[in-house]
Amino acid sequence: MNLIISSLFASLAFFLPIIAIVFGIVWLVKVVNRFEKRETEKLELVRQNVEQFRVLIERLDRIEQQLDSNTKRS
């Protein structure tokens, strides 16, 4: 009986660090993916803002051209 218990503790002592390392790596990958997802969402918001800014600049340019053409006519 003592031999069985000793064997169980020996195998536990051998496998426990390996299991802990695997769980640590899995946890680290999850954390990195979470941060990567957040940064991707932020980047997408910035891209949308830049696109909206470009559209506004184009509209302002058209308005400016219309104003210039109206002042030249008068």
PDB file of N, CA and C in Angstrom:
ATOM      1  N   MET A   1       0.818  -1.198   0.000  1.00  0.00           N
ATOM      2  CA  MET A   1       0.000   0.000   0.000  1.00  0.00           C
ATOM      3  C   MET A   1       0.863   1.264   0.000  1.00  0.00           C
ATOM      4  N   ASN A   2       1.911   1.234   0.805  1.00  0.00           N
ATOM      5  CA  ASN A   2       2.808   2.388   0.842  1.00  0.00           C
ATOM      6  C   ASN A   2       3.490   2.618  -0.504  1.00  0.00           C
ATOM      7  N   LEU A   3       3.763   1.517  -1.188  1.00  0.00           N
ATOM      8  CA  LEU A   3       4.389   1.624  -2.503  1.00  0.00           C
ATOM      9  C   LEU A   3       3.457   2.313  -3.495  1.00  0.00           C
ATOM     10  N   ILE A   4       2.172   2.005  -3.443  1.00  0.00           N
ATOM     11  CA  ILE A   4       1.198   2.621  -4.348  1.00  0.00           C
ATOM     12  C   ILE A   4       1.081   4.121  -4.060  1.00  0.00           C
ATOM     13  N   ILE A   5       0.970   4.455  -2.790  1.00  0.00           N
ATOM     14  CA  ILE A   5       0.862   5.872  -2.415  1.00  0.00           C
ATOM     15  C   ILE A   5       2.133   6.618  -2.788  1.00  0.00           C
ATOM     16  N   SER A   6       3.267   6.020  -2.567  1.00  0.00           N
ATOM     17  CA  SER A   6       4.533   6.649  -2.940  1.00  0.00           C
ATOM     18  C   SER A   6       4.623   6.844  -4.450  1.00  0.00           C
ATOM     19  N   SER A   7       4.162   5.866  -5.200  1.00  0.00           N
ATOM     20  CA  SER A   7       4.170   5.978  -6.658  1.00  0.00           C
ATOM     21  C   SER A   7       3.241   7.095  -7.132  1.00  0.00           C
ATOM     22  N   LEU A   8       2.084   7.202  -6.505  1.00  0.00           N
ATOM     23  CA  LEU A   8       1.144   8.260  -6.873  1.00  0.00           C
ATOM     24  C   LEU A   8       1.747   9.640  -6.600  1.00  0.00           C
ATOM     25  N   PHE A   9       2.349   9.809  -5.439  1.00  0.00           N
ATOM     26  CA  PHE A   9       2.972  11.091  -5.124  1.00  0.00           C
ATOM     27  C   PHE A   9       4.157  11.384  -6.040  1.00  0.00           C
ATOM     28  N   ALA A  10       4.894  10.364  -6.386  1.00  0.00           N
ATOM     29  CA  ALA A  10       6.030  10.556  -7.295  1.00  0.00           C
ATOM     30  C   ALA A  10       5.546  10.986  -8.682  1.00  0.00           C
ATOM     31  N   SER A  11       4.495  10.330  -9.172  1.00  0.00           N
ATOM     32  CA  SER A  11       3.972  10.706 -10.488  1.00  0.00           C
ATOM     33  C   SER A  11       3.339  12.099 -10.439  1.00  0.00           C
ATOM     34  N   LEU A  12       2.695  12.421  -9.313  1.00  0.00           N
ATOM     35  CA  LEU A  12       2.125  13.754  -9.151  1.00  0.00           C
ATOM     36  C   LEU A  12       3.237  14.808  -9.130  1.00  0.00           C
ATOM     37  N   ALA A  13       4.304  14.518  -8.438  1.00  0.00           N
ATOM     38  CA  ALA A  13       5.430  15.444  -8.370  1.00  0.00           C
ATOM     39  C   ALA A  13       6.081  15.620  -9.740  1.00  0.00           C
ATOM     40  N   PHE A  14       5.999  14.614 -10.578  1.00  0.00           N
ATOM     41  CA  PHE A  14       6.582  14.703 -11.908  1.00  0.00           C
ATOM     42  C   PHE A  14       5.664  15.471 -12.865  1.00  0.00           C
ATOM     43  N   PHE A  15       4.363  15.160 -12.850  1.00  0.00           N
ATOM     44  CA  PHE A  15       3.436  15.732 -13.820  1.00  0.00           C
ATOM     45  C   PHE A  15       2.898  17.105 -13.426  1.00  0.00           C
ATOM     46  N   LEU A  16       2.866  17.422 -12.164  1.00  0.00           N
ATOM     47  CA  LEU A  16       2.298  18.689 -11.727  1.00  0.00           C
ATOM     48  C   LEU A  16       3.031  19.907 -12.304  1.00  0.00           C
ATOM     49  N   PRO A  17       4.342  19.954 -12.299  1.00  0.00           N
ATOM     50  CA  PRO A  17       5.008  21.111 -12.927  1.00  0.00           C
ATOM     51  C   PRO A  17       4.728  21.221 -14.431  1.00  0.00           C
ATOM     52  N   ILE A  18       4.641  20.090 -15.108  1.00  0.00           N
ATOM     53  CA  ILE A  18       4.347  20.104 -16.542  1.00  0.00           C
ATOM     54  C   ILE A  18       2.942  20.653 -16.776  1.00  0.00           C
ATOM     55  N   ILE A  19       1.984  20.196 -15.977  1.00  0.00           N
ATOM     56  CA  ILE A  19       0.612  20.680 -16.098  1.00  0.00           C
ATOM     57  C   ILE A  19       0.548  22.178 -15.786  1.00  0.00           C
ATOM     58  N   ALA A  20       1.268  22.607 -14.767  1.00  0.00           N
ATOM     59  CA  ALA A  20       1.284  24.024 -14.406  1.00  0.00           C
ATOM     60  C   ALA A  20       1.876  24.868 -15.524  1.00  0.00           C
ATOM     61  N   ILE A  21       2.920  24.401 -16.155  1.00  0.00           N
ATOM     62  CA  ILE A  21       3.536  25.136 -17.268  1.00  0.00           C
ATOM     63  C   ILE A  21       2.561  25.237 -18.443  1.00  0.00           C
ATOM     64  N   VAL A  22       1.885  24.129 -18.758  1.00  0.00           N
ATOM     65  CA  VAL A  22       0.918  24.142 -19.862  1.00  0.00           C
ATOM     66  C   VAL A  22      -0.214  25.125 -19.572  1.00  0.00           C
ATOM     67  N   PHE A  23      -0.753  25.081 -18.358  1.00  0.00           N
ATOM     68  CA  PHE A  23      -1.822  26.016 -18.000  1.00  0.00           C
ATOM     69  C   PHE A  23      -1.322  27.462 -18.029  1.00  0.00           C
ATOM     70  N   GLY A  24      -0.105  27.683 -17.606  1.00  0.00           N
ATOM     71  CA  GLY A  24       0.469  29.030 -17.660  1.00  0.00           C
ATOM     72  C   GLY A  24       0.586  29.546 -19.078  1.00  0.00           C
ATOM     73  N   ILE A  25       1.018  28.696 -19.981  1.00  0.00           N
ATOM     74  CA  ILE A  25       1.146  29.096 -21.382  1.00  0.00           C
ATOM     75  C   ILE A  25      -0.223  29.382 -21.985  1.00  0.00           C
ATOM     76  N   VAL A  26      -1.197  28.518 -21.689  1.00  0.00           N
ATOM     77  CA  VAL A  26      -2.555  28.732 -22.199  1.00  0.00           C
ATOM     78  C   VAL A  26      -3.119  30.045 -21.673  1.00  0.00           C
ATOM     79  N   TRP A  27      -2.914  30.331 -20.403  1.00  0.00           N
ATOM     80  CA  TRP A  27      -3.400  31.580 -19.812  1.00  0.00           C
ATOM     81  C   TRP A  27      -2.734  32.782 -20.473  1.00  0.00           C
ATOM     82  N   LEU A  28      -1.434  32.689 -20.678  1.00  0.00           N
ATOM     83  CA  LEU A  28      -0.699  33.784 -21.309  1.00  0.00           C
ATOM     84  C   LEU A  28      -1.200  34.049 -22.728  1.00  0.00           C
ATOM     85  N   VAL A  29      -1.467  32.998 -23.480  1.00  0.00           N
ATOM     86  CA  VAL A  29      -1.981  33.152 -24.840  1.00  0.00           C
ATOM     87  C   VAL A  29      -3.355  33.819 -24.817  1.00  0.00           C
ATOM     88  N   LYS A  30      -4.195  33.443 -23.868  1.00  0.00           N
ATOM     89  CA  LYS A  30      -5.513  34.067 -23.760  1.00  0.00           C
ATOM     90  C   LYS A  30      -5.401  35.548 -23.445  1.00  0.00           C
ATOM     91  N   VAL A  31      -4.507  35.908 -22.547  1.00  0.00           N
ATOM     92  CA  VAL A  31      -4.326  37.311 -22.183  1.00  0.00           C
ATOM     93  C   VAL A  31      -3.825  38.104 -23.387  1.00  0.00           C
ATOM     94  N   VAL A  32      -2.867  37.569 -24.099  1.00  0.00           N
ATOM     95  CA  VAL A  32      -2.317  38.256 -25.272  1.00  0.00           C
ATOM     96  C   VAL A  32      -3.403  38.421 -26.340  1.00  0.00           C
ATOM     97  N   ASN A  33      -4.205  37.392 -26.552  1.00  0.00           N
ATOM     98  CA  ASN A  33      -5.280  37.488 -27.548  1.00  0.00           C
ATOM     99  C   ASN A  33      -6.314  38.530 -27.152  1.00  0.00           C
ATOM    100  N   ARG A  34      -6.583  38.631 -25.853  1.00  0.00           N
ATOM    101  CA  ARG A  34      -7.542  39.631 -25.388  1.00  0.00           C
ATOM    102  C   ARG A  34      -7.024  41.039 -25.682  1.00  0.00           C
ATOM    103  N   PHE A  35      -5.751  41.296 -25.382  1.00  0.00           N
ATOM    104  CA  PHE A  35      -5.170  42.607 -25.667  1.00  0.00           C
ATOM    105  C   PHE A  35      -5.111  42.872 -27.166  1.00  0.00           C
ATOM    106  N   GLU A  36      -4.794  41.835 -27.932  1.00  0.00           N
ATOM    107  CA  GLU A  36      -4.730  41.994 -29.384  1.00  0.00           C
ATOM    108  C   GLU A  36      -6.111  42.347 -29.941  1.00  0.00           C
ATOM    109  N   LYS A  37      -7.144  41.731 -29.410  1.00  0.00           N
ATOM    110  CA  LYS A  37      -8.507  42.026 -29.865  1.00  0.00           C
ATOM    111  C   LYS A  37      -8.868  43.474 -29.541  1.00  0.00           C
ATOM    112  N   ARG A  38      -8.524  43.924 -28.335  1.00  0.00           N
ATOM    113  CA  ARG A  38      -8.807  45.313 -27.959  1.00  0.00           C
ATOM    114  C   ARG A  38      -8.085  46.286 -28.887  1.00  0.00           C
ATOM    115  N   GLU A  39      -6.823  46.019 -29.161  1.00  0.00           N
ATOM    116  CA  GLU A  39      -6.048  46.914 -30.027  1.00  0.00           C
ATOM    117  C   GLU A  39      -6.585  46.896 -31.454  1.00  0.00           C
ATOM    118  N   THR A  40      -7.047  45.741 -31.912  1.00  0.00           N
ATOM    119  CA  THR A  40      -7.627  45.661 -33.249  1.00  0.00           C
ATOM    120  C   THR A  40      -8.897  46.494 -33.326  1.00  0.00           C
ATOM    121  N   GLU A  41      -9.720  46.430 -32.266  1.00  0.00           N
ATOM    122  CA  GLU A  41     -10.933  47.243 -32.240  1.00  0.00           C
ATOM    123  C   GLU A  41     -10.603  48.733 -32.211  1.00  0.00           C
ATOM    124  N   LYS A  42      -9.596  49.112 -31.431  1.00  0.00           N
ATOM    125  CA  LYS A  42      -9.184  50.519 -31.399  1.00  0.00           C
ATOM    126  C   LYS A  42      -8.687  50.972 -32.767  1.00  0.00           C
ATOM    127  N   LEU A  43      -7.909  50.125 -33.415  1.00  0.00           N
ATOM    128  CA  LEU A  43      -7.381  50.454 -34.737  1.00  0.00           C
ATOM    129  C   LEU A  43      -8.514  50.628 -35.744  1.00  0.00           C
ATOM    130  N   GLU A  44      -9.527  49.786 -35.655  1.00  0.00           N
ATOM    131  CA  GLU A  44     -10.676  49.903 -36.554  1.00  0.00           C
ATOM    132  C   GLU A  44     -11.422  51.219 -36.315  1.00  0.00           C
ATOM    133  N   LEU A  45     -11.566  51.618 -35.055  1.00  0.00           N
ATOM    134  CA  LEU A  45     -12.209  52.896 -34.759  1.00  0.00           C
ATOM    135  C   LEU A  45     -11.407  54.069 -35.312  1.00  0.00           C
ATOM    136  N   VAL A  46     -10.105  54.004 -35.184  1.00  0.00           N
ATOM    137  CA  VAL A  46      -9.247  55.062 -35.730  1.00  0.00           C
ATOM    138  C   VAL A  46      -9.373  55.106 -37.245  1.00  0.00           C
ATOM    139  N   ARG A  47      -9.408  53.949 -37.882  1.00  0.00           N
ATOM    140  CA  ARG A  47      -9.550  53.898 -39.340  1.00  0.00           C
ATOM    141  C   ARG A  47     -10.876  54.518 -39.777  1.00  0.00           C
ATOM    142  N   GLN A  48     -11.946  54.221 -39.035  1.00  0.00           N
ATOM    143  CA  GLN A  48     -13.250  54.808 -39.361  1.00  0.00           C
ATOM    144  C   GLN A  48     -13.222  56.331 -39.184  1.00  0.00           C
ATOM    145  N   ASN A  49     -12.583  56.794 -38.125  1.00  0.00           N
ATOM    146  CA  ASN A  49     -12.483  58.236 -37.901  1.00  0.00           C
ATOM    147  C   ASN A  49     -11.705  58.922 -39.016  1.00  0.00           C
ATOM    148  N   VAL A  50     -10.624  58.304 -39.452  1.00  0.00           N
ATOM    149  CA  VAL A  50      -9.827  58.870 -40.542  1.00  0.00           C
ATOM    150  C   VAL A  50     -10.663  58.936 -41.817  1.00  0.00           C
ATOM    151  N   GLU A  51     -11.428  57.889 -42.078  1.00  0.00           N
ATOM    152  CA  GLU A  51     -12.271  57.877 -43.279  1.00  0.00           C
ATOM    153  C   GLU A  51     -13.329  58.973 -43.207  1.00  0.00           C
ATOM    154  N   GLN A  52     -13.944  59.153 -42.045  1.00  0.00           N
ATOM    155  CA  GLN A  52     -14.932  60.222 -41.885  1.00  0.00           C
ATOM    156  C   GLN A  52     -14.277  61.595 -42.057  1.00  0.00           C
ATOM    157  N   PHE A  53     -13.075  61.741 -41.551  1.00  0.00           N
ATOM    158  CA  PHE A  53     -12.356  63.003 -41.702  1.00  0.00           C
ATOM    159  C   PHE A  53     -12.070  63.286 -43.174  1.00  0.00           C
ATOM    160  N   ARG A  54     -11.677  62.262 -43.905  1.00  0.00           N
ATOM    161  CA  ARG A  54     -11.406  62.436 -45.339  1.00  0.00           C
ATOM    162  C   ARG A  54     -12.668  62.868 -46.081  1.00  0.00           C
ATOM    163  N   VAL A  55     -13.798  62.258 -45.731  1.00  0.00           N
ATOM    164  CA  VAL A  55     -15.061  62.629 -46.373  1.00  0.00           C
ATOM    165  C   VAL A  55     -15.390  64.084 -46.062  1.00  0.00           C
ATOM    166  N   LEU A  56     -15.189  64.495 -44.820  1.00  0.00           N
ATOM    167  CA  LEU A  56     -15.457  65.888 -44.456  1.00  0.00           C
ATOM    168  C   LEU A  56     -14.550  66.857 -45.210  1.00  0.00           C
ATOM    169  N   ILE A  57     -13.294  66.495 -45.344  1.00  0.00           N
ATOM    170  CA  ILE A  57     -12.348  67.351 -46.081  1.00  0.00           C
ATOM    171  C   ILE A  57     -12.779  67.468 -47.541  1.00  0.00           C
ATOM    172  N   GLU A  58     -13.204  66.359 -48.136  1.00  0.00           N
ATOM    173  CA  GLU A  58     -13.675  66.410 -49.525  1.00  0.00           C
ATOM    174  C   GLU A  58     -14.895  67.317 -49.661  1.00  0.00           C
ATOM    175  N   ARG A  59     -15.809  67.228 -48.714  1.00  0.00           N
ATOM    176  CA  ARG A  59     -16.996  68.087 -48.753  1.00  0.00           C
ATOM    177  C   ARG A  59     -16.603  69.559 -48.608  1.00  0.00           C
ATOM    178  N   LEU A  60     -15.685  69.832 -47.692  1.00  0.00           N
ATOM    179  CA  LEU A  60     -15.222  71.209 -47.522  1.00  0.00           C
ATOM    180  C   LEU A  60     -14.549  71.724 -48.788  1.00  0.00           C
ATOM    181  N   ASP A  61     -13.775  70.879 -49.442  1.00  0.00           N
ATOM    182  CA  ASP A  61     -13.130  71.279 -50.693  1.00  0.00           C
ATOM    183  C   ASP A  61     -14.179  71.619 -51.756  1.00  0.00           C
ATOM    184  N   ARG A  62     -15.228  70.803 -51.860  1.00  0.00           N
ATOM    185  CA  ARG A  62     -16.283  71.066 -52.834  1.00  0.00           C
ATOM    186  C   ARG A  62     -17.014  72.373 -52.508  1.00  0.00           C
ATOM    187  N   ILE A  63     -17.282  72.592 -51.227  1.00  0.00           N
ATOM    188  CA  ILE A  63     -17.943  73.836 -50.823  1.00  0.00           C
ATOM    189  C   ILE A  63     -17.058  75.031 -51.146  1.00  0.00           C
ATOM    190  N   GLU A  64     -15.773  74.893 -50.887  1.00  0.00           N
ATOM    191  CA  GLU A  64     -14.830  75.977 -51.182  1.00  0.00           C
ATOM    192  C   GLU A  64     -14.783  76.265 -52.683  1.00  0.00           C
ATOM    193  N   GLN A  65     -14.800  75.217 -53.490  1.00  0.00           N
ATOM    194  CA  GLN A  65     -14.794  75.393 -54.942  1.00  0.00           C
ATOM    195  C   GLN A  65     -16.074  76.090 -55.408  1.00  0.00           C
ATOM    196  N   GLN A  66     -17.202  75.689 -54.799  1.00  0.00           N
ATOM    197  CA  GLN A  66     -18.455  76.340 -55.163  1.00  0.00           C
ATOM    198  C   GLN A  66     -18.452  77.821 -54.771  1.00  0.00           C
ATOM    199  N   LEU A  67     -17.921  78.108 -53.599  1.00  0.00           N
ATOM    200  CA  LEU A  67     -17.840  79.499 -53.172  1.00  0.00           C
ATOM    201  C   LEU A  67     -16.923  80.309 -54.077  1.00  0.00           C
ATOM    202  N   ASP A  68     -15.795  79.707 -54.458  1.00  0.00           N
ATOM    203  CA  ASP A  68     -14.874  80.383 -55.367  1.00  0.00           C
ATOM    204  C   ASP A  68     -15.532  80.645 -56.726  1.00  0.00           C
ATOM    205  N   SER A  69     -16.240  79.672 -57.236  1.00  0.00           N
ATOM    206  CA  SER A  69     -16.885  79.856 -58.540  1.00  0.00           C
ATOM    207  C   SER A  69     -18.017  80.877 -58.445  1.00  0.00           C
ATOM    208  N   ASN A  70     -18.707  80.939 -57.315  1.00  0.00           N
ATOM    209  CA  ASN A  70     -19.785  81.920 -57.134  1.00  0.00           C
ATOM    210  C   ASN A  70     -19.217  83.331 -57.018  1.00  0.00           C
ATOM    211  N   THR A  71     -18.081  83.475 -56.344  1.00  0.00           N
ATOM    212  CA  THR A  71     -17.494  84.815 -56.210  1.00  0.00           C
ATOM    213  C   THR A  71     -16.898  85.289 -57.528  1.00  0.00           C
ATOM    214  N   LYS A  72     -16.426  84.397 -58.361  1.00  0.00           N
ATOM    215  CA  LYS A  72     -15.881  84.771 -59.668  1.00  0.00           C
ATOM    216  C   LYS A  72     -16.991  85.217 -60.611  1.00  0.00           C
ATOM    217  N   ARG A  73     -18.151  84.646 -60.467  1.00  0.00           N
ATOM    218  CA  ARG A  73     -19.280  85.000 -61.324  1.00  0.00           C
ATOM    219  C   ARG A  73     -19.809  86.404 -60.995  1.00  0.00           C
ATOM    220  N   SER A  74     -19.726  86.775 -59.725  1.00  0.00           N
ATOM    221  CA  SER A  74     -20.307  88.064 -59.347  1.00  0.00           C
ATOM    222  C   SER A  74     -19.460  89.243 -59.700  1.00  0.00           C
TER     223      SER A  74
END
